[in-house]
Protein backbone atom coordinates (compact mmCIF):
# COMPACT_ATOMS: atom_id res chain seq x y z
CA MET A 1 18.67 2.75 -11.12
CA VAL A 2 17.06 9.08 -21.77
CA TYR A 3 19.62 10.52 -22.97
CA GLY A 4 19.20 13.43 -25.47
CA ARG A 5 21.27 12.26 -28.42
CA CYS A 6 23.01 14.80 -31.01
CA LEU A 7 24.74 12.83 -33.83
CA VAL A 8 26.93 15.26 -35.59
CA ALA A 9 27.15 12.94 -38.54
CA SER A 10 23.53 13.53 -39.43
CA SER A 11 24.26 17.06 -40.32
CA LEU A 12 27.20 16.17 -42.54
CA ILE A 13 26.88 17.16 -46.11
CA ILE A 14 28.54 14.61 -48.58
CA PHE A 15 29.52 15.94 -52.05
CA LEU A 16 29.81 13.03 -54.47
CA THR A 17 31.46 13.47 -57.90
CA PHE A 18 29.90 11.18 -60.19
CA GLY A 19 32.19 9.24 -62.59
CA CYS A 20 34.92 9.32 -60.02
CA SER A 21 34.92 5.97 -58.11
CA ASP A 22 37.84 6.71 -55.98
CA SER A 23 36.40 9.85 -54.75
CA SER A 24 33.06 8.35 -54.01
CA THR A 25 34.67 5.56 -52.07
CA SER A 26 36.89 7.91 -49.98
CA SER A 27 33.95 10.03 -49.03
CA THR A 28 31.95 7.01 -47.86
CA GLU A 29 34.75 5.75 -45.64
CA ASN A 30 35.31 9.06 -44.30
CA THR A 31 31.48 9.25 -43.41
CA LYS A 32 31.71 5.86 -41.82
CA GLN A 33 34.63 7.00 -39.69
CA VAL A 34 32.77 10.10 -38.51
CA VAL A 35 29.77 8.06 -37.53
CA GLN A 36 31.80 5.58 -35.75
CA GLU A 37 33.84 8.35 -33.94
CA ASN A 38 30.62 10.20 -32.86
CA ASN A 39 29.05 6.88 -31.77
CA VAL A 40 31.99 6.15 -29.64
CA ALA A 41 31.95 9.65 -28.17
CA GLN A 42 28.24 9.25 -27.31
CA LEU A 43 28.84 5.78 -25.76
CA LEU A 44 31.40 7.52 -23.52
CA ILE A 45 29.10 10.24 -22.61
CA GLU A 46 26.51 7.92 -21.67
CA ALA A 47 28.84 5.84 -19.63
CA LYS A 48 30.12 8.83 -17.65
CA ALA A 49 26.51 9.96 -16.85
CA SER A 50 25.40 6.40 -15.98
CA GLN A 51 28.39 6.23 -13.58
CA LYS A 52 27.54 9.56 -12.00
CA ALA A 53 23.88 8.55 -11.48
CA GLU A 54 25.14 5.40 -9.77
CA ASP A 55 27.51 7.39 -7.53
CA PHE A 56 24.56 9.61 -6.48
CA PHE A 57 22.42 6.53 -5.94
CA ASN A 58 25.00 4.88 -3.70
CA GLN A 59 25.59 8.12 -1.84
CA GLY A 60 21.83 8.18 -1.27
CA ASN A 61 22.05 4.67 0.13
CA ASN A 62 24.84 5.73 2.41
CA PHE A 63 22.73 8.45 3.84
CA LEU A 64 19.77 6.34 4.00
CA ASP A 65 21.76 3.72 6.21
CA ALA A 66 22.94 6.69 8.35
CA GLN A 67 19.23 7.87 8.80
CA ARG A 68 20.19 11.04 7.26
CA TYR A 69 17.15 11.10 5.15
CA LYS A 70 16.88 14.58 3.78
CA GLU A 71 20.33 14.17 2.32
CA ALA A 72 19.42 10.72 1.01
CA ILE A 73 16.45 12.39 -0.90
CA ALA A 74 18.57 15.01 -2.29
CA SER A 75 21.20 12.47 -3.63
CA TYR A 76 18.51 10.35 -5.22
CA GLU A 77 17.01 13.38 -6.83
CA GLN A 78 20.34 13.98 -8.28
CA ALA A 79 20.57 10.48 -9.61
CA LEU A 80 17.07 10.73 -11.15
CA ALA A 81 17.83 13.94 -12.76
CA ILE A 82 20.58 12.00 -14.79
CA LYS A 83 18.75 8.65 -15.11
CA SER A 84 15.07 8.76 -14.39
CA GLU A 85 14.23 5.19 -15.44
CA SER A 86 15.61 3.73 -12.27
CA SER A 87 13.10 1.94 -10.27
CA GLU A 88 15.52 1.14 -7.57
CA THR A 89 16.37 4.92 -7.01
CA TRP A 90 12.55 5.77 -6.89
CA ILE A 91 12.08 2.93 -4.28
CA ASN A 92 14.92 4.03 -2.10
CA ARG A 93 13.83 7.71 -2.50
CA GLY A 94 10.18 6.51 -1.23
CA ASN A 95 11.91 4.69 1.76
CA ALA A 96 13.62 7.92 2.75
CA LEU A 97 10.51 9.83 2.38
CA ALA A 98 8.63 7.29 4.47
CA SER A 99 11.12 7.42 7.23
CA LEU A 100 10.28 11.15 7.44
CA HIS A 101 6.63 10.27 7.60
CA ARG A 102 6.03 11.83 4.28
CA TYR A 103 3.77 9.01 3.27
CA LYS A 104 1.99 10.49 0.36
CA GLU A 105 5.14 11.58 -1.33
CA ALA A 106 6.63 8.26 -0.70
CA ILE A 107 3.58 6.56 -2.27
CA THR A 108 4.07 8.83 -5.48
CA SER A 109 7.84 7.57 -5.59
CA TYR A 110 6.81 3.98 -5.28
CA ASP A 111 4.29 4.53 -8.10
CA GLN A 112 6.97 5.97 -10.31
CA ALA A 113 9.06 2.81 -9.67
CA ILE A 114 6.06 0.46 -10.46
CA THR A 115 5.43 2.51 -13.71
CA ILE A 116 8.89 1.46 -14.78
CA ASN A 117 8.88 -2.02 -13.68
CA THR A 118 5.41 -3.61 -12.24
CA LYS A 119 7.34 -6.62 -11.18
CA LYS A 120 9.18 -4.82 -8.39
CA ASP A 121 7.80 -6.52 -5.07
CA GLU A 122 9.87 -4.13 -3.05
CA ALA A 123 7.84 -1.12 -4.45
CA TRP A 124 4.61 -2.84 -3.87
CA TYR A 125 5.51 -3.92 -0.51
CA ASN A 126 6.68 -0.38 0.56
CA ARG A 127 3.71 1.01 -0.95
CA GLY A 128 1.62 -1.20 1.29
CA ASN A 129 3.58 0.03 4.39
CA ALA A 130 2.97 3.78 3.33
CA LEU A 131 -0.67 3.12 3.02
CA THR A 132 -0.96 1.14 6.32
CA SER A 133 0.79 4.12 7.96
CA LEU A 134 -1.98 6.24 6.54
CA GLN A 135 -4.65 3.84 7.82
CA ARG A 136 -5.71 3.21 4.16
CA TYR A 137 -5.89 -0.50 4.98
CA LYS A 138 -7.86 -1.77 2.02
CA GLU A 139 -5.29 -0.22 -0.57
CA ALA A 140 -2.64 -1.50 1.53
CA ILE A 141 -3.93 -4.93 1.41
CA ALA A 142 -4.00 -4.64 -2.42
CA SER A 143 -0.50 -3.39 -2.57
CA TYR A 144 0.84 -6.45 -0.23
CA ASN A 145 -1.23 -8.80 -2.56
CA LYS A 146 0.74 -7.61 -5.51
CA ALA A 147 4.02 -8.13 -3.72
CA ILE A 148 3.00 -11.56 -2.65
CA ALA A 149 1.87 -12.53 -6.29
CA ILE A 150 5.41 -11.53 -7.45
CA LYS A 151 7.31 -13.18 -4.55
CA PRO A 152 5.16 -15.62 -2.95
CA ASP A 153 7.74 -16.33 -0.06
CA LYS A 154 7.73 -12.66 1.16
CA TYR A 155 6.84 -13.32 4.58
CA GLU A 156 7.07 -9.52 5.53
CA ALA A 157 4.32 -8.74 3.04
CA LEU A 158 2.18 -11.70 4.65
CA ILE A 159 2.67 -10.35 8.11
CA ASN A 160 1.95 -6.66 7.33
CA ARG A 161 -1.01 -7.77 5.21
CA GLY A 162 -2.31 -9.55 8.38
CA ILE A 163 -1.93 -6.38 10.30
CA ALA A 164 -3.99 -4.55 7.88
CA LEU A 165 -6.59 -7.25 7.80
CA THR A 166 -6.65 -7.01 11.66
CA LYS A 167 -7.23 -3.35 11.44
CA LEU A 168 -10.27 -4.03 9.36
CA GLN A 169 -11.34 -6.70 11.91
CA ARG A 170 -11.04 -9.41 9.36
CA TYR A 171 -9.49 -11.55 11.87
CA LYS A 172 -9.87 -15.06 10.13
CA GLU A 173 -8.17 -13.65 6.94
CA ALA A 174 -5.30 -12.03 9.11
CA ILE A 175 -4.57 -15.38 10.83
CA VAL A 176 -4.39 -17.17 7.47
CA SER A 177 -1.82 -14.59 6.50
CA TYR A 178 0.40 -14.95 9.53
CA ASP A 179 0.04 -18.74 9.19
CA LYS A 180 1.49 -18.56 5.68
CA ALA A 181 4.31 -16.31 6.95
CA ILE A 182 5.05 -18.92 9.75
CA ALA A 183 5.09 -21.62 7.14
CA ILE A 184 7.85 -19.76 5.18
CA LYS A 185 9.72 -18.43 8.28
CA PRO A 186 8.89 -20.55 11.56
CA ASP A 187 11.09 -18.35 13.74
CA LYS A 188 9.40 -15.16 12.90
CA HIS A 189 8.22 -13.92 16.27
CA GLU A 190 6.33 -11.05 14.87
CA ALA A 191 3.90 -13.15 13.20
CA TYR A 192 3.19 -15.20 16.48
CA TYR A 193 2.64 -11.90 18.41
CA ASN A 194 0.30 -10.32 15.86
CA LYS A 195 -1.59 -13.77 15.55
CA ALA A 196 -1.92 -13.71 19.37
CA CYS A 197 -3.31 -10.14 19.04
CA SER A 198 -5.92 -11.28 16.50
CA TYR A 199 -7.10 -14.09 18.61
CA ALA A 200 -7.28 -11.73 21.76
CA LEU A 201 -9.38 -9.22 19.80
CA GLN A 202 -11.71 -12.15 19.29
CA ASN A 203 -11.65 -12.90 23.13
CA ASN A 204 -10.17 -16.41 22.24
CA LEU A 205 -7.98 -16.60 25.28
CA GLU A 206 -6.44 -20.03 24.73
CA LEU A 207 -5.11 -19.33 21.18
CA ALA A 208 -4.12 -15.74 22.34
CA ILE A 209 -1.95 -17.23 25.06
CA GLU A 210 -0.58 -20.08 22.89
CA ASN A 211 0.75 -17.73 20.23
CA LEU A 212 1.91 -15.01 22.64
CA ASP A 213 3.90 -17.70 24.40
CA LYS A 214 5.59 -18.66 21.18
CA ALA A 215 6.42 -15.14 20.53
CA ILE A 216 7.95 -14.79 24.03
CA GLN A 217 9.89 -17.85 23.73
CA LEU A 218 11.50 -16.38 20.60
CA ALA A 219 12.07 -12.75 21.84
CA PRO A 220 11.16 -12.77 25.67
CA ASP A 221 12.12 -9.30 26.73
CA LYS A 222 10.43 -7.54 23.82
CA TYR A 223 7.07 -9.41 23.98
CA LYS A 224 6.66 -9.47 27.73
CA LYS A 225 7.14 -5.83 27.92
CA LEU A 226 4.82 -5.12 24.88
CA ALA A 227 2.02 -7.27 25.88
CA LYS A 228 1.62 -5.58 29.24
CA THR A 229 0.32 -2.37 27.50
CA ASP A 230 -0.79 -3.51 24.15
CA GLN A 231 -4.56 -2.49 23.93
CA ASP A 232 -5.24 -5.61 21.68
CA PHE A 233 -4.97 -7.74 24.78
CA ASN A 234 -7.48 -5.65 26.84
CA LYS A 235 -10.09 -8.34 26.50
CA VAL A 236 -7.82 -11.12 28.05
CA ARG A 237 -5.56 -8.84 30.26
CA ASN A 238 -7.11 -9.75 33.54
CA ASN A 239 -6.90 -13.40 33.09
CA GLN A 240 -4.74 -15.07 35.58
CA GLN A 241 -3.04 -17.26 32.94
CA PHE A 242 -2.36 -14.31 30.82
CA GLN A 243 -0.83 -12.38 33.68
CA LYS A 244 1.38 -15.28 34.67
CA LEU A 245 2.81 -15.63 31.16
CA LEU A 246 4.11 -11.94 31.35
CA GLN A 247 5.97 -12.51 34.60
């Protein structure tokens, strides 16, 4: 997203009558024809198998979109039984597993995708998300770094790397990561909100309010509600200016 090959021609025994050039030529031509016919047959078998694997893959994607995750996993596994060297199928299987909170299994699936293709930024990124969900933040950061190295403008990885850095209380590095995401996607409200959280955790009221205000301007209903209960703002919550922003 290895086929076992059985070439009938390889077991064909050819009898040549020396001194009879016509017979020799005819036998050689027949052998070529048999090989060609079997090669065509094998190609047709492989094409059908590949199409079947693709059908299962697409079926899995439809289930994934419909949030029918168990059925999606079953479809992806049927596709992989036919064509195991599909990094895309392993990635989407991992996404379905992660949606069921089966994060360790999801990581294994992402690892399979990476083994097939180390340049799949989606595999590294989603692996980072699964590791973050398991609170394995250092490993998550390493995965996000891999995704960013492959695709430097992957702002989602920059934001989520910032979250993992914040969890490790590496606030300055987190803010740098958010700023890089904002440079790529200036209207990404999640980056401003998480940046505000990092400043609030450092008790930097002015910059916390400045960034929270930007997030609220982009998505007012979401962040006014969220900031009222988010524990990251506990250090600045009683400030009059902060309370006014949430009204």
